[in-house]
Amino acid sequence: MDLSFDRGDAQNPRGHALLYFRVDTEPDKVYATYVVTLPVKSDLTKYVPPFLASHLGSMPLTDLSAFAMPPVPESIGSFSELERLSELRGDDLVYGGNMFSFDLPRMMESATEAVQAYSGLCSDSLTMTGTPAEGAAAALGEELEHTMGAAPEPEPPEPVAEERDDSYNVNEVLFSFMSESDKLGELSKLLGRLRFAVDGSDRAAAEEVGDEIKVLARHLPKDFKVGDLLDVAQDNSEKSSQLAKLYIDRCFRLSAGDAAAAQVLEDQIQALRAQD
């Protein structure tokens, strides 16, 4: 993930930042969280009882060095308020990109990716500003490794042809038990995978994800137009990317019963489609 610094320096981050995101369909709002990188790594397994550790998911208990709070960005109201806060507190002000405010799992995922990216910048900054002795030691280590030669890497095993399983039947059952909001959350995740495959020209992965979306579409109302959403998501043009965002936001609005907002999005979709 590429981060954009509105305040602060990406080459020398402060280690604490106000991270914000925007939503195309909510131009007057920003969603923000607070990112902290710790100068001392923490091993939370010392303090968390074993019976609770399993409920903390993928949280790095043994090596906690950076985190965002709240984990899901919250609506702040205005960008000027964020600027004021960052100046008063001396925080970096970092833009993480666009997202969908109705897709809570994706919002959390975007925040996590941004935390990792910001933490990486902090680590890089500390490496670049190390002492001369540390730099000399690192250079000597690299020279010795080059002189002695790296151990030969084992040859990768020959690829084994795998038979494609009938997993879509499993998905058919899983989708039938999901609530509508869960289905839309799953749809957002699948669209993210599809866009990644399309951008990377991975046709096989794109087709596989597209098939999953087609299965999911059978479990959502027809007026959600998931088929049209899939068509534009398979194209990596800027226009198609904008259409995909409008379509998925329209799905969430319809699910929430906000017919007026859904109609506004439908009008935007038709206007964008009419453009050359």
Protein backbone atom coordinates (compact mmCIF):
# COMPACT_ATOMS: atom_id res chain seq x y z
CA MET A 1 0.00 0.00 0.00
CA ASP A 2 1.29 3.47 -0.94
CA LEU A 3 0.83 6.09 1.76
CA SER A 4 0.64 9.83 1.05
CA PHE A 5 1.95 12.21 3.74
CA ASP A 6 -0.05 15.45 4.00
CA ARG A 7 1.98 16.39 7.08
CA GLY A 8 5.31 14.88 8.01
CA ASP A 9 8.05 13.18 6.01
CA ALA A 10 7.83 9.63 4.65
CA GLN A 11 11.66 9.41 4.87
CA ASN A 12 11.60 10.32 8.55
CA PRO A 13 8.19 9.45 10.07
CA ARG A 14 7.50 10.42 13.67
CA GLY A 15 6.23 6.99 14.67
CA HIS A 16 2.70 8.20 15.42
CA ALA A 17 0.17 9.32 12.82
CA LEU A 18 -3.42 10.23 12.13
CA LEU A 19 -4.32 7.89 9.27
CA TYR A 20 -7.36 8.76 7.19
CA PHE A 21 -9.36 7.38 4.27
CA ARG A 22 -11.95 8.87 1.94
CA VAL A 23 -15.16 7.47 0.45
CA ASP A 24 -16.09 8.49 -3.10
CA THR A 25 -19.79 8.69 -2.30
CA GLU A 26 -19.23 10.72 0.89
CA PRO A 27 -17.00 13.62 -0.25
CA ASP A 28 -17.60 15.71 2.87
CA LYS A 29 -16.39 13.04 5.31
CA VAL A 30 -13.09 11.45 6.24
CA TYR A 31 -12.61 8.23 8.21
CA ALA A 32 -9.62 8.15 10.52
CA THR A 33 -7.71 6.07 13.03
CA TYR A 34 -4.55 6.64 15.10
CA VAL A 35 -1.41 4.65 14.33
CA VAL A 36 1.36 4.09 16.85
CA THR A 37 4.69 2.33 16.37
CA LEU A 38 6.33 1.19 19.59
CA PRO A 39 10.04 1.85 20.24
CA VAL A 40 10.05 -1.26 22.43
CA LYS A 41 8.48 -4.46 21.13
CA SER A 42 5.97 -6.10 23.43
CA ASP A 43 5.29 -9.77 24.13
CA LEU A 44 1.62 -9.80 25.13
CA THR A 45 1.63 -13.52 25.84
CA LYS A 46 3.07 -12.58 29.23
CA TYR A 47 -0.11 -10.73 30.11
CA VAL A 48 -2.88 -12.49 28.16
CA PRO A 49 -4.26 -15.72 29.69
CA PRO A 50 -3.99 -18.68 27.30
CA PHE A 51 -7.76 -19.15 27.15
CA LEU A 52 -8.12 -15.57 25.81
CA ALA A 53 -5.26 -15.70 23.30
CA SER A 54 -7.25 -17.83 20.86
CA HIS A 55 -9.90 -15.10 20.62
CA LEU A 56 -7.48 -12.42 19.43
CA GLY A 57 -7.27 -13.76 15.86
CA SER A 58 -4.08 -12.98 13.92
CA MET A 59 -2.91 -10.26 16.31
CA PRO A 60 0.91 -10.64 16.71
CA LEU A 61 0.97 -11.31 20.44
CA THR A 62 4.65 -12.23 20.65
CA ASP A 63 5.91 -9.28 18.59
CA LEU A 64 3.56 -6.30 18.87
CA SER A 65 5.38 -3.31 17.39
CA ALA A 66 2.62 -1.24 15.73
CA PHE A 67 -1.15 -0.95 15.89
CA ALA A 68 -4.12 1.27 15.00
CA MET A 69 -6.81 2.39 17.43
CA PRO A 70 -9.66 2.16 16.69
CA PRO A 71 -9.01 -0.86 14.43
CA VAL A 72 -11.83 0.26 12.09
CA PRO A 73 -11.52 3.91 10.94
CA GLU A 74 -14.21 6.17 12.37
CA SER A 75 -15.97 9.09 10.69
CA ILE A 76 -14.32 12.36 11.75
CA GLY A 77 -16.48 14.80 9.83
CA SER A 78 -14.01 17.11 8.12
CA PHE A 79 -10.44 17.08 6.87
CA SER A 80 -9.75 20.49 8.44
CA GLU A 81 -10.38 19.00 11.88
CA LEU A 82 -7.81 16.29 11.19
CA GLU A 83 -5.28 18.90 10.08
CA ARG A 84 -5.87 20.88 13.27
CA LEU A 85 -5.41 17.81 15.46
CA SER A 86 -2.23 16.72 13.71
CA GLU A 87 -0.69 20.18 14.12
CA LEU A 88 -1.63 20.43 17.80
CA ARG A 89 -0.30 16.96 18.61
CA GLY A 90 2.69 16.94 16.26
CA ASP A 91 1.43 13.82 14.45
CA ASP A 92 2.07 12.72 10.89
CA LEU A 93 -1.06 13.13 8.75
CA VAL A 94 -1.24 10.22 6.34
CA TYR A 95 -3.72 9.40 3.57
CA GLY A 96 -4.41 5.69 3.07
CA GLY A 97 -6.66 5.84 0.00
CA ASN A 98 -10.34 5.27 -0.80
CA MET A 99 -12.61 2.62 0.70
CA PHE A 100 -16.26 1.68 1.24
CA SER A 101 -17.72 2.91 4.51
CA PHE A 102 -20.30 0.08 4.55
CA ASP A 103 -17.69 -2.69 4.27
CA LEU A 104 -16.39 -3.01 7.84
CA PRO A 105 -14.12 -6.04 7.21
CA ARG A 106 -12.43 -4.26 4.31
CA MET A 107 -12.09 -1.07 6.37
CA MET A 108 -10.25 -3.02 9.06
CA GLU A 109 -8.12 -4.74 6.43
CA SER A 110 -7.20 -1.39 4.85
CA ALA A 111 -6.22 0.02 8.25
CA THR A 112 -4.07 -3.06 8.97
CA GLU A 113 -2.30 -2.75 5.61
CA ALA A 114 -1.64 0.94 6.27
CA VAL A 115 -0.24 0.17 9.74
CA GLN A 116 2.17 -2.33 8.20
CA ALA A 117 3.22 0.17 5.53
CA TYR A 118 3.74 2.97 8.07
CA SER A 119 5.63 0.67 10.43
CA GLY A 120 7.85 -0.35 7.51
CA LEU A 121 8.67 3.31 6.79
CA CYS A 122 9.56 3.80 10.45
CA SER A 123 11.84 0.75 10.39
CA ASP A 124 13.50 1.93 7.19
CA SER A 125 14.08 5.35 8.73
CA LEU A 126 15.76 3.83 11.80
CA THR A 127 17.95 1.69 9.55
CA MET A 128 19.05 4.68 7.47
CA THR A 129 19.90 6.72 10.60
CA GLY A 130 21.93 3.98 12.33
CA THR A 131 25.35 4.71 13.86
CA PRO A 132 28.55 4.51 11.73
CA ALA A 133 29.60 1.44 13.68
CA GLU A 134 26.33 -0.30 12.86
CA GLY A 135 26.74 0.62 9.20
CA ALA A 136 30.30 -0.71 9.12
CA ALA A 137 29.26 -3.95 10.79
CA ALA A 138 26.46 -4.43 8.28
CA ALA A 139 28.78 -3.72 5.36
CA LEU A 140 31.39 -6.17 6.72
CA GLY A 141 28.72 -8.84 7.11
CA GLU A 142 27.58 -8.36 3.52
CA GLU A 143 31.18 -8.53 2.26
CA LEU A 144 31.86 -11.78 4.15
CA GLU A 145 28.65 -13.30 2.83
CA HIS A 146 29.63 -12.32 -0.71
CA THR A 147 33.18 -13.67 -0.32
CA MET A 148 32.23 -17.01 1.21
CA GLY A 149 29.31 -17.46 -1.13
CA ALA A 150 25.77 -18.23 -0.19
CA ALA A 151 24.73 -21.81 0.32
CA PRO A 152 23.16 -23.24 -2.85
CA GLU A 153 19.41 -23.14 -2.74
CA PRO A 154 17.62 -26.42 -3.28
CA GLU A 155 15.97 -26.78 -6.63
CA PRO A 156 12.25 -26.20 -6.46
CA PRO A 157 10.16 -29.34 -6.81
CA GLU A 158 8.45 -29.89 -10.10
CA PRO A 159 4.90 -28.60 -10.10
CA VAL A 160 2.32 -31.26 -9.53
CA ALA A 161 -0.81 -31.04 -11.56
CA GLU A 162 -3.75 -30.51 -9.27
CA GLU A 163 -7.26 -31.48 -10.10
CA ARG A 164 -9.73 -28.67 -9.61
CA ASP A 165 -12.07 -29.62 -6.83
CA ASP A 166 -15.78 -28.97 -6.77
CA SER A 167 -15.45 -26.23 -4.15
CA TYR A 168 -18.21 -24.12 -5.65
CA ASN A 169 -20.74 -26.62 -4.36
CA VAL A 170 -19.33 -25.93 -0.91
CA ASN A 171 -19.62 -22.19 -1.51
CA GLU A 172 -23.19 -22.67 -2.65
CA VAL A 173 -24.04 -24.14 0.74
CA LEU A 174 -22.04 -21.56 2.71
CA PHE A 175 -23.62 -18.62 0.90
CA SER A 176 -27.10 -19.99 1.51
CA PHE A 177 -26.53 -19.76 5.28
CA MET A 178 -25.07 -16.24 5.26
CA SER A 179 -27.04 -13.12 6.11
CA GLU A 180 -27.33 -10.51 3.38
CA SER A 181 -24.79 -8.25 5.08
CA ASP A 182 -22.32 -11.15 5.33
CA LYS A 183 -22.84 -11.93 1.65
CA LEU A 184 -22.04 -8.33 0.75
CA GLY A 185 -18.94 -8.46 2.93
CA GLU A 186 -17.86 -11.62 1.10
CA LEU A 187 -18.62 -9.93 -2.23
CA SER A 188 -16.33 -7.03 -1.32
CA LYS A 189 -13.50 -9.43 -0.45
CA LEU A 190 -13.94 -11.34 -3.71
CA LEU A 191 -13.92 -8.11 -5.70
CA GLY A 192 -10.65 -7.12 -4.03
CA ARG A 193 -9.13 -10.46 -5.06
CA LEU A 194 -10.51 -10.07 -8.57
CA ARG A 195 -9.06 -6.59 -9.04
CA PHE A 196 -5.67 -7.84 -7.80
CA ALA A 197 -5.76 -10.71 -10.30
CA VAL A 198 -6.86 -8.44 -13.16
CA ASP A 199 -4.19 -5.83 -12.39
CA GLY A 200 -1.60 -8.61 -12.31
CA SER A 201 -2.85 -10.14 -15.59
CA ASP A 202 -3.47 -13.43 -13.77
CA ARG A 203 -6.24 -14.78 -16.00
CA ALA A 204 -6.59 -18.12 -14.19
CA ALA A 205 -7.07 -16.47 -10.79
CA ALA A 206 -9.44 -13.89 -12.27
CA GLU A 207 -11.62 -16.61 -13.79
CA GLU A 208 -11.67 -18.58 -10.54
CA VAL A 209 -12.75 -15.57 -8.48
CA GLY A 210 -15.26 -14.59 -11.16
CA ASP A 211 -16.86 -18.04 -10.88
CA GLU A 212 -17.17 -17.60 -7.10
CA ILE A 213 -18.84 -14.23 -7.58
CA LYS A 214 -21.32 -15.79 -10.02
CA VAL A 215 -22.23 -18.37 -7.39
CA LEU A 216 -22.65 -15.66 -4.76
CA ALA A 217 -24.79 -13.60 -7.16
CA ARG A 218 -27.43 -16.36 -7.15
CA HIS A 219 -27.92 -15.72 -3.42
CA LEU A 220 -28.42 -11.95 -3.73
CA PRO A 221 -31.42 -10.02 -5.11
CA LYS A 222 -31.37 -9.45 -8.87
CA ASP A 223 -31.76 -5.70 -8.46
CA PHE A 224 -28.30 -5.66 -6.83
CA LYS A 225 -26.97 -6.18 -10.40
CA VAL A 226 -24.02 -8.27 -9.29
CA GLY A 227 -23.59 -9.50 -12.87
CA ASP A 228 -23.08 -5.94 -14.12
CA LEU A 229 -20.70 -5.34 -11.23
CA LEU A 230 -18.67 -8.40 -12.23
CA ASP A 231 -18.47 -7.22 -15.85
CA VAL A 232 -16.91 -3.87 -14.95
CA ALA A 233 -14.66 -5.35 -12.26
CA GLN A 234 -12.99 -7.57 -14.88
CA ASP A 235 -11.68 -4.46 -16.65
CA ASN A 236 -8.80 -2.52 -15.07
CA SER A 237 -9.56 0.83 -16.73
CA GLU A 238 -10.13 3.89 -14.54
CA LYS A 239 -13.75 4.18 -15.72
CA SER A 240 -14.47 0.55 -14.82
CA SER A 241 -12.85 1.02 -11.42
CA GLN A 242 -15.17 3.95 -10.69
CA LEU A 243 -18.19 1.97 -11.89
CA ALA A 244 -17.27 -0.97 -9.64
CA LYS A 245 -17.13 1.34 -6.60
CA LEU A 246 -20.53 2.81 -7.46
CA TYR A 247 -22.09 -0.63 -8.01
CA ILE A 248 -20.85 -2.10 -4.70
CA ASP A 249 -21.87 1.01 -2.76
CA ARG A 250 -25.30 0.77 -4.40
CA CYS A 251 -25.58 -2.85 -3.17
CA PHE A 252 -24.93 -1.77 0.41
CA ARG A 253 -27.43 1.09 0.13
CA LEU A 254 -30.13 -1.26 -1.18
CA SER A 255 -29.39 -3.73 1.59
CA ALA A 256 -29.75 -0.93 4.16
CA GLY A 257 -33.12 0.04 2.68
CA ASP A 258 -31.89 3.43 1.50
CA ALA A 259 -33.66 3.45 -1.88
CA ALA A 260 -33.12 7.19 -2.45
CA ALA A 261 -29.35 6.95 -2.08
CA ALA A 262 -29.34 3.81 -4.25
CA GLN A 263 -31.18 5.71 -7.00
CA VAL A 264 -28.66 8.53 -6.86
CA LEU A 265 -25.88 5.98 -7.34
CA GLU A 266 -27.81 4.34 -10.19
CA ASP A 267 -28.06 7.73 -11.93
CA GLN A 268 -24.30 8.23 -11.48
CA ILE A 269 -23.67 4.79 -12.94
CA GLN A 270 -25.79 5.46 -16.00
CA ALA A 271 -24.18 8.88 -16.53
CA LEU A 272 -20.70 7.37 -16.28
CA ARG A 273 -21.60 4.54 -18.66
CA ALA A 274 -22.86 7.09 -21.18
CA GLN A 275 -19.48 8.81 -21.30
CA ASP A 276 -17.14 7.98 -24.17
